[in-house]
Amino acid sequence: MVKWKEQRVIPANIETVWNLFSDKNIKRLMPKIEDHILLENNDDEAGAKHAQSYYEGKQLQNYIVETIAYEDLPERKYRHTSFTMSQLFQVAYYYTLEKVSEEETLFIYEGTQKGLTLTAKAMLLSGSKAKRNETVQAFMDRVETEATK
């Protein structure tokens, strides 16, 4: 299993940052997403399910993303999503925002990727840690850039 947890203070109001994680703004944070369609419940609650299409290179991947936990409080925001990718990997993302001040937000980005088959486990083990870290940092940079526009 691959895990990561990174954090940084973003010079933007917590509501501004949180707005980026809504359905209407998903392509701002995840530009490779082709479609993001709500299937069950509401976007802003645990149990929400979305059909999502995502380009991995030239190949279009389709999967169902489920919101496992959702919290929207004035001082703290949290969303945990999970999906199975290509019947090979169980992927979970955890986004936490904490209000530092009126114009600063602590962004905590955590995730896991678990291989569901021997082949998938071997793929994760052989993957580059530097490349994974680069991907995580690029996402965090994108959140900060979009929040401070």
N, C-alpha and C. Protein backbone atom coordinates (compact mmCIF):
# COMPACT_ATOMS: atom_id res chain seq x y z
N MET A 1 0.84 -1.18 0.00
CA MET A 1 0.00 0.00 0.00
C MET A 1 0.89 1.24 0.00
N VAL A 2 0.45 2.23 -0.73
CA VAL A 2 1.13 3.52 -0.79
C VAL A 2 0.30 4.52 0.00
N LYS A 3 0.96 5.31 0.86
CA LYS A 3 0.29 6.34 1.65
C LYS A 3 1.04 7.65 1.53
N TRP A 4 0.31 8.74 1.67
CA TRP A 4 0.96 10.05 1.75
C TRP A 4 0.12 10.96 2.64
N LYS A 5 0.78 11.96 3.20
CA LYS A 5 0.12 13.00 3.97
C LYS A 5 1.00 14.24 3.89
N GLU A 6 0.47 15.27 3.31
CA GLU A 6 1.18 16.54 3.16
C GLU A 6 0.27 17.66 3.63
N GLN A 7 0.87 18.75 4.03
CA GLN A 7 0.07 19.90 4.44
C GLN A 7 0.80 21.20 4.14
N ARG A 8 0.00 22.26 3.99
CA ARG A 8 0.57 23.60 3.80
C ARG A 8 -0.50 24.63 4.14
N VAL A 9 -0.03 25.80 4.50
CA VAL A 9 -0.92 26.92 4.75
C VAL A 9 -1.12 27.66 3.42
N ILE A 10 -2.38 27.84 3.06
CA ILE A 10 -2.73 28.54 1.82
C ILE A 10 -3.23 29.93 2.20
N PRO A 11 -2.71 30.97 1.55
CA PRO A 11 -3.12 32.34 1.88
C PRO A 11 -4.47 32.70 1.26
N ALA A 12 -5.51 32.01 1.73
CA ALA A 12 -6.87 32.27 1.25
C ALA A 12 -7.86 31.85 2.34
N ASN A 13 -9.03 32.45 2.30
CA ASN A 13 -10.10 32.14 3.24
C ASN A 13 -10.54 30.68 3.09
N ILE A 14 -10.91 30.05 4.18
CA ILE A 14 -11.29 28.64 4.18
C ILE A 14 -12.46 28.37 3.21
N GLU A 15 -13.43 29.28 3.13
CA GLU A 15 -14.58 29.08 2.24
C GLU A 15 -14.15 29.13 0.77
N THR A 16 -13.20 29.98 0.46
CA THR A 16 -12.67 30.07 -0.91
C THR A 16 -12.01 28.77 -1.31
N VAL A 17 -11.20 28.24 -0.42
CA VAL A 17 -10.51 26.98 -0.71
C VAL A 17 -11.52 25.84 -0.80
N TRP A 18 -12.46 25.77 0.12
CA TRP A 18 -13.45 24.68 0.15
C TRP A 18 -14.30 24.67 -1.11
N ASN A 19 -14.62 25.85 -1.62
CA ASN A 19 -15.42 25.96 -2.83
C ASN A 19 -14.77 25.22 -4.02
N LEU A 20 -13.46 25.13 -4.02
CA LEU A 20 -12.76 24.42 -5.11
C LEU A 20 -13.09 22.93 -5.14
N PHE A 21 -13.51 22.37 -3.99
CA PHE A 21 -13.79 20.94 -3.91
C PHE A 21 -15.25 20.61 -4.22
N SER A 22 -16.01 21.59 -4.67
CA SER A 22 -17.40 21.34 -5.06
C SER A 22 -17.45 20.79 -6.48
N ASP A 23 -18.58 20.17 -6.82
CA ASP A 23 -18.75 19.58 -8.16
C ASP A 23 -18.48 20.58 -9.28
N LYS A 24 -18.98 21.80 -9.11
CA LYS A 24 -18.87 22.78 -10.20
C LYS A 24 -17.42 23.18 -10.49
N ASN A 25 -16.52 22.96 -9.53
CA ASN A 25 -15.12 23.36 -9.71
C ASN A 25 -14.14 22.20 -9.82
N ILE A 26 -14.63 20.99 -9.93
CA ILE A 26 -13.74 19.83 -9.89
C ILE A 26 -12.68 19.86 -11.00
N LYS A 27 -13.03 20.37 -12.16
CA LYS A 27 -12.05 20.40 -13.26
C LYS A 27 -10.95 21.43 -13.03
N ARG A 28 -11.20 22.40 -12.16
CA ARG A 28 -10.14 23.36 -11.83
C ARG A 28 -9.02 22.66 -11.06
N LEU A 29 -9.40 21.72 -10.18
CA LEU A 29 -8.40 21.01 -9.40
C LEU A 29 -7.90 19.75 -10.09
N MET A 30 -8.77 19.14 -10.89
CA MET A 30 -8.44 17.87 -11.54
C MET A 30 -8.75 17.99 -13.04
N PRO A 31 -7.87 18.64 -13.79
CA PRO A 31 -8.17 18.92 -15.19
C PRO A 31 -8.28 17.69 -16.09
N LYS A 32 -7.78 16.55 -15.66
CA LYS A 32 -7.89 15.34 -16.47
C LYS A 32 -9.28 14.70 -16.39
N ILE A 33 -10.12 15.19 -15.48
CA ILE A 33 -11.48 14.64 -15.38
C ILE A 33 -12.29 15.10 -16.58
N GLU A 34 -12.90 14.15 -17.24
CA GLU A 34 -13.73 14.41 -18.40
C GLU A 34 -15.18 14.64 -17.98
N ASP A 35 -15.71 13.74 -17.15
CA ASP A 35 -17.09 13.83 -16.66
C ASP A 35 -17.11 13.57 -15.16
N HIS A 36 -18.03 14.23 -14.47
CA HIS A 36 -18.22 14.05 -13.02
C HIS A 36 -19.71 14.24 -12.78
N ILE A 37 -20.44 13.12 -12.72
CA ILE A 37 -21.90 13.17 -12.70
C ILE A 37 -22.42 12.59 -11.39
N LEU A 38 -23.22 13.37 -10.68
CA LEU A 38 -23.81 12.93 -9.42
C LEU A 38 -24.85 11.85 -9.71
N LEU A 39 -24.70 10.70 -9.03
CA LEU A 39 -25.62 9.58 -9.21
C LEU A 39 -26.56 9.40 -8.02
N GLU A 40 -26.03 9.59 -6.81
CA GLU A 40 -26.82 9.36 -5.60
C GLU A 40 -26.56 10.45 -4.58
N ASN A 41 -27.63 10.79 -3.82
CA ASN A 41 -27.57 11.75 -2.73
C ASN A 41 -27.15 13.13 -3.24
N ASN A 42 -26.62 13.96 -2.35
CA ASN A 42 -26.18 15.31 -2.71
C ASN A 42 -24.66 15.38 -2.64
N ASP A 43 -24.09 16.30 -3.41
CA ASP A 43 -22.64 16.47 -3.44
C ASP A 43 -22.07 16.77 -2.06
N ASP A 44 -22.83 17.46 -1.24
CA ASP A 44 -22.32 17.92 0.04
C ASP A 44 -22.75 17.03 1.21
N GLU A 45 -22.64 15.69 1.03
CA GLU A 45 -22.97 14.78 2.12
C GLU A 45 -22.29 13.43 1.93
N ALA A 46 -22.08 12.75 3.06
CA ALA A 46 -21.57 11.38 3.00
C ALA A 46 -22.59 10.52 2.27
N GLY A 47 -22.09 9.57 1.50
CA GLY A 47 -22.96 8.70 0.72
C GLY A 47 -23.16 9.16 -0.71
N ALA A 48 -22.70 10.35 -1.04
CA ALA A 48 -22.80 10.81 -2.43
C ALA A 48 -21.97 9.90 -3.33
N LYS A 49 -22.51 9.59 -4.50
CA LYS A 49 -21.78 8.79 -5.48
C LYS A 49 -21.79 9.52 -6.81
N HIS A 50 -20.60 9.53 -7.44
CA HIS A 50 -20.43 10.19 -8.73
C HIS A 50 -19.85 9.21 -9.74
N ALA A 51 -20.35 9.26 -10.96
CA ALA A 51 -19.71 8.56 -12.07
C ALA A 51 -18.65 9.52 -12.59
N GLN A 52 -17.43 9.03 -12.69
CA GLN A 52 -16.34 9.90 -13.10
C GLN A 52 -15.56 9.25 -14.24
N SER A 53 -15.21 10.06 -15.23
CA SER A 53 -14.34 9.65 -16.33
C SER A 53 -13.09 10.49 -16.23
N TYR A 54 -11.94 9.84 -16.40
CA TYR A 54 -10.66 10.47 -16.14
C TYR A 54 -9.66 9.96 -17.17
N TYR A 55 -8.93 10.88 -17.78
CA TYR A 55 -7.91 10.46 -18.74
C TYR A 55 -6.61 10.11 -18.04
N GLU A 56 -6.15 8.91 -18.26
CA GLU A 56 -4.83 8.46 -17.80
C GLU A 56 -4.02 8.26 -19.08
N GLY A 57 -3.21 9.26 -19.42
CA GLY A 57 -2.56 9.23 -20.73
C GLY A 57 -3.62 9.43 -21.79
N LYS A 58 -3.70 8.51 -22.75
CA LYS A 58 -4.71 8.59 -23.81
C LYS A 58 -5.91 7.70 -23.52
N GLN A 59 -5.86 6.97 -22.40
CA GLN A 59 -6.92 6.03 -22.07
C GLN A 59 -7.92 6.66 -21.09
N LEU A 60 -9.21 6.54 -21.45
CA LEU A 60 -10.28 7.06 -20.60
C LEU A 60 -10.68 5.99 -19.58
N GLN A 61 -10.56 6.32 -18.30
CA GLN A 61 -10.93 5.42 -17.20
C GLN A 61 -12.28 5.86 -16.66
N ASN A 62 -13.14 4.90 -16.32
CA ASN A 62 -14.44 5.19 -15.73
C ASN A 62 -14.55 4.48 -14.39
N TYR A 63 -15.08 5.19 -13.40
CA TYR A 63 -15.26 4.57 -12.10
C TYR A 63 -16.30 5.35 -11.30
N ILE A 64 -16.71 4.77 -10.18
CA ILE A 64 -17.66 5.40 -9.27
C ILE A 64 -16.90 5.90 -8.05
N VAL A 65 -17.02 7.19 -7.77
CA VAL A 65 -16.38 7.81 -6.61
C VAL A 65 -17.44 7.98 -5.53
N GLU A 66 -17.16 7.46 -4.35
CA GLU A 66 -18.09 7.60 -3.23
C GLU A 66 -17.52 8.52 -2.16
N THR A 67 -18.36 9.42 -1.67
CA THR A 67 -17.98 10.26 -0.55
C THR A 67 -18.26 9.47 0.73
N ILE A 68 -17.21 9.11 1.43
CA ILE A 68 -17.32 8.29 2.64
C ILE A 68 -17.66 9.17 3.85
N ALA A 69 -17.04 10.32 3.95
CA ALA A 69 -17.29 11.24 5.07
C ALA A 69 -17.27 12.67 4.54
N TYR A 70 -18.07 13.51 5.16
CA TYR A 70 -18.18 14.91 4.73
C TYR A 70 -18.50 15.76 5.96
N GLU A 71 -17.73 16.84 6.14
CA GLU A 71 -17.95 17.76 7.25
C GLU A 71 -17.73 19.18 6.75
N ASP A 72 -18.66 20.05 7.03
CA ASP A 72 -18.57 21.45 6.59
C ASP A 72 -18.92 22.36 7.76
N LEU A 73 -17.91 22.64 8.57
CA LEU A 73 -18.06 23.52 9.73
C LEU A 73 -17.31 24.82 9.46
N PRO A 74 -17.63 25.91 10.14
CA PRO A 74 -16.95 27.19 9.88
C PRO A 74 -15.42 27.12 10.05
N GLU A 75 -14.94 26.33 11.00
CA GLU A 75 -13.51 26.27 11.30
C GLU A 75 -12.80 25.07 10.67
N ARG A 76 -13.59 24.09 10.18
CA ARG A 76 -12.99 22.85 9.66
C ARG A 76 -13.88 22.27 8.57
N LYS A 77 -13.23 21.84 7.50
CA LYS A 77 -13.91 21.19 6.37
C LYS A 77 -13.18 19.86 6.13
N TYR A 78 -13.95 18.84 5.77
CA TYR A 78 -13.34 17.52 5.57
C TYR A 78 -14.14 16.73 4.55
N ARG A 79 -13.43 16.06 3.65
CA ARG A 79 -14.06 15.16 2.69
C ARG A 79 -13.16 13.97 2.47
N HIS A 80 -13.74 12.78 2.58
CA HIS A 80 -13.04 11.52 2.33
C HIS A 80 -13.77 10.84 1.19
N THR A 81 -13.04 10.59 0.09
CA THR A 81 -13.62 9.90 -1.05
C THR A 81 -12.84 8.62 -1.33
N SER A 82 -13.52 7.68 -1.99
CA SER A 82 -12.90 6.39 -2.28
C SER A 82 -13.44 5.85 -3.60
N PHE A 83 -12.58 5.13 -4.33
CA PHE A 83 -13.01 4.48 -5.57
C PHE A 83 -12.06 3.34 -5.91
N THR A 84 -12.54 2.45 -6.75
CA THR A 84 -11.72 1.36 -7.26
C THR A 84 -11.34 1.70 -8.69
N MET A 85 -10.04 1.64 -8.98
CA MET A 85 -9.53 1.98 -10.30
C MET A 85 -9.13 0.71 -11.05
N SER A 86 -9.77 0.48 -12.17
CA SER A 86 -9.43 -0.61 -13.09
C SER A 86 -9.42 -1.99 -12.41
N GLN A 87 -10.22 -2.17 -11.39
CA GLN A 87 -10.26 -3.42 -10.63
C GLN A 87 -8.89 -3.83 -10.08
N LEU A 88 -7.96 -2.88 -10.05
CA LEU A 88 -6.60 -3.16 -9.59
C LEU A 88 -6.26 -2.45 -8.29
N PHE A 89 -6.80 -1.24 -8.10
CA PHE A 89 -6.40 -0.41 -6.97
C PHE A 89 -7.61 0.14 -6.23
N GLN A 90 -7.54 0.13 -4.91
CA GLN A 90 -8.51 0.84 -4.08
C GLN A 90 -7.83 2.15 -3.69
N VAL A 91 -8.45 3.26 -4.06
CA VAL A 91 -7.86 4.58 -3.86
C VAL A 91 -8.75 5.38 -2.90
N ALA A 92 -8.11 6.05 -1.95
CA ALA A 92 -8.84 6.92 -1.02
C ALA A 92 -8.11 8.26 -0.93
N TYR A 93 -8.89 9.33 -0.94
CA TYR A 93 -8.37 10.67 -0.76
C TYR A 93 -9.04 11.30 0.45
N TYR A 94 -8.26 12.05 1.22
CA TYR A 94 -8.76 12.75 2.40
C TYR A 94 -8.32 14.21 2.28
N TYR A 95 -9.30 15.10 2.24
CA TYR A 95 -9.03 16.53 2.15
C TYR A 95 -9.52 17.19 3.43
N THR A 96 -8.61 17.84 4.16
CA THR A 96 -8.98 18.53 5.39
C THR A 96 -8.54 19.98 5.28
N LEU A 97 -9.44 20.89 5.62
CA LEU A 97 -9.14 22.31 5.67
C LEU A 97 -9.41 22.79 7.09
N GLU A 98 -8.48 23.54 7.64
CA GLU A 98 -8.65 24.11 8.98
C GLU A 98 -8.38 25.61 8.90
N LYS A 99 -9.28 26.38 9.49
CA LYS A 99 -9.15 27.83 9.48
C LYS A 99 -8.00 28.24 10.39
N VAL A 100 -7.00 28.91 9.83
CA VAL A 100 -5.88 29.46 10.60
C VAL A 100 -6.21 30.89 11.00
N SER A 101 -6.72 31.66 10.02
CA SER A 101 -7.15 33.03 10.24
C SER A 101 -8.17 33.35 9.15
N GLU A 102 -8.65 34.58 9.09
CA GLU A 102 -9.62 34.94 8.05
C GLU A 102 -9.05 34.78 6.64
N GLU A 103 -7.75 34.88 6.51
CA GLU A 103 -7.12 34.81 5.19
C GLU A 103 -6.07 33.71 5.06
N GLU A 104 -6.12 32.73 5.95
CA GLU A 104 -5.19 31.60 5.86
C GLU A 104 -5.91 30.31 6.22
N THR A 105 -5.61 29.28 5.43
CA THR A 105 -6.23 27.97 5.62
C THR A 105 -5.16 26.90 5.59
N LEU A 106 -5.19 26.02 6.57
CA LEU A 106 -4.30 24.86 6.56
C LEU A 106 -4.96 23.79 5.71
N PHE A 107 -4.27 23.36 4.66
CA PHE A 107 -4.74 22.31 3.76
C PHE A 107 -3.94 21.05 4.03
N ILE A 108 -4.65 19.98 4.39
CA ILE A 108 -4.03 18.68 4.63
C ILE A 108 -4.56 17.71 3.58
N TYR A 109 -3.65 17.13 2.83
CA TYR A 109 -4.00 16.21 1.74
C TYR A 109 -3.38 14.85 2.06
N GLU A 110 -4.25 13.86 2.23
CA GLU A 110 -3.82 12.51 2.53
C GLU A 110 -4.41 11.56 1.50
N GLY A 111 -3.75 10.43 1.33
CA GLY A 111 -4.29 9.44 0.43
C GLY A 111 -3.64 8.09 0.59
N THR A 112 -4.34 7.10 0.06
CA THR A 112 -3.81 5.73 0.03
C THR A 112 -4.15 5.11 -1.31
N GLN A 113 -3.28 4.23 -1.75
CA GLN A 113 -3.53 3.39 -2.91
C GLN A 113 -3.16 1.97 -2.50
N LYS A 114 -4.13 1.08 -2.59
CA LYS A 114 -3.93 -0.30 -2.18
C LYS A 114 -4.11 -1.21 -3.39
N GLY A 115 -3.12 -2.06 -3.64
CA GLY A 115 -3.23 -3.02 -4.72
C GLY A 115 -4.20 -4.12 -4.36
N LEU A 116 -5.11 -4.44 -5.28
CA LEU A 116 -6.12 -5.46 -5.03
C LEU A 116 -5.73 -6.83 -5.57
N THR A 117 -4.69 -6.86 -6.40
CA THR A 117 -4.18 -8.12 -6.96
C THR A 117 -2.67 -8.14 -6.77
N LEU A 118 -2.08 -9.30 -6.99
CA LEU A 118 -0.62 -9.38 -6.89
C LEU A 118 0.05 -8.46 -7.91
N THR A 119 -0.49 -8.41 -9.10
CA THR A 119 0.06 -7.54 -10.13
C THR A 119 0.00 -6.08 -9.69
N ALA A 120 -1.14 -5.68 -9.15
CA ALA A 120 -1.29 -4.29 -8.70
C ALA A 120 -0.34 -3.97 -7.55
N LYS A 121 -0.18 -4.90 -6.63
CA LYS A 121 0.73 -4.69 -5.51
C LYS A 121 2.16 -4.53 -6.01
N ALA A 122 2.53 -5.34 -7.00
CA ALA A 122 3.87 -5.24 -7.59
C ALA A 122 4.06 -3.90 -8.30
N MET A 123 3.00 -3.44 -8.97
CA MET A 123 3.07 -2.15 -9.67
C MET A 123 3.31 -1.01 -8.66
N LEU A 124 2.62 -1.07 -7.54
CA LEU A 124 2.81 -0.03 -6.52
C LEU A 124 4.21 -0.07 -5.93
N LEU A 125 4.71 -1.27 -5.68
CA LEU A 125 6.05 -1.40 -5.12
C LEU A 125 7.13 -0.91 -6.07
N SER A 126 6.89 -1.10 -7.36
CA SER A 126 7.91 -0.72 -8.34
C SER A 126 7.81 0.75 -8.75
N GLY A 127 6.74 1.43 -8.32
CA GLY A 127 6.56 2.83 -8.69
C GLY A 127 7.58 3.74 -8.02
N SER A 128 7.83 4.84 -8.64
CA SER A 128 8.81 5.80 -8.15
C SER A 128 8.21 6.65 -7.03
N LYS A 129 8.87 6.65 -5.87
CA LYS A 129 8.43 7.49 -4.76
C LYS A 129 8.55 8.96 -5.13
N ALA A 130 9.59 9.30 -5.85
CA ALA A 130 9.80 10.69 -6.27
C ALA A 130 8.66 11.15 -7.19
N LYS A 131 8.24 10.29 -8.10
CA LYS A 131 7.16 10.64 -9.03
C LYS A 131 5.84 10.80 -8.27
N ARG A 132 5.59 9.90 -7.30
CA ARG A 132 4.36 10.01 -6.50
C ARG A 132 4.37 11.33 -5.72
N ASN A 133 5.51 11.66 -5.11
CA ASN A 133 5.61 12.90 -4.36
C ASN A 133 5.42 14.11 -5.27
N GLU A 134 5.96 14.04 -6.45
CA GLU A 134 5.80 15.12 -7.43
C GLU A 134 4.32 15.32 -7.77
N THR A 135 3.59 14.23 -7.93
CA THR A 135 2.15 14.29 -8.24
C THR A 135 1.38 14.92 -7.08
N VAL A 136 1.69 14.52 -5.85
CA VAL A 136 1.03 15.08 -4.67
C VAL A 136 1.32 16.58 -4.57
N GLN A 137 2.58 16.97 -4.74
CA GLN A 137 2.95 18.38 -4.65
C GLN A 137 2.29 19.20 -5.76
N ALA A 138 2.19 18.62 -6.95
CA ALA A 138 1.54 19.33 -8.06
C ALA A 138 0.07 19.59 -7.74
N PHE A 139 -0.60 18.62 -7.12
CA PHE A 139 -1.99 18.82 -6.74
C PHE A 139 -2.11 19.93 -5.68
N MET A 140 -1.25 19.89 -4.70
CA MET A 140 -1.28 20.92 -3.66
C MET A 140 -0.99 22.30 -4.25
N ASP A 141 -0.06 22.36 -5.17
CA ASP A 141 0.24 23.63 -5.85
C ASP A 141 -0.99 24.14 -6.60
N ARG A 142 -1.70 23.21 -7.26
CA ARG A 142 -2.88 23.59 -8.04
C ARG A 142 -3.97 24.15 -7.10
N VAL A 143 -4.16 23.51 -5.95
CA VAL A 143 -5.14 24.01 -4.98
C VAL A 143 -4.76 25.43 -4.56
N GLU A 144 -3.50 25.63 -4.23
CA GLU A 144 -3.06 26.96 -3.79
C GLU A 144 -3.22 27.99 -4.91
N THR A 145 -2.81 27.64 -6.10
CA THR A 145 -2.91 28.57 -7.24
C THR A 145 -4.36 28.95 -7.51
N GLU A 146 -5.26 27.96 -7.54
CA GLU A 146 -6.67 28.24 -7.82
C GLU A 146 -7.31 29.05 -6.68
N ALA A 147 -6.92 28.80 -5.46
CA ALA A 147 -7.50 29.50 -4.31
C ALA A 147 -7.05 30.95 -4.23
N THR A 148 -5.90 31.26 -4.80
CA THR A 148 -5.36 32.63 -4.69
C THR A 148 -5.49 33.43 -5.97
N LYS A 149 -6.24 32.94 -6.92
CA LYS A 149 -6.46 33.69 -8.17
C LYS A 149 -7.26 34.94 -7.92
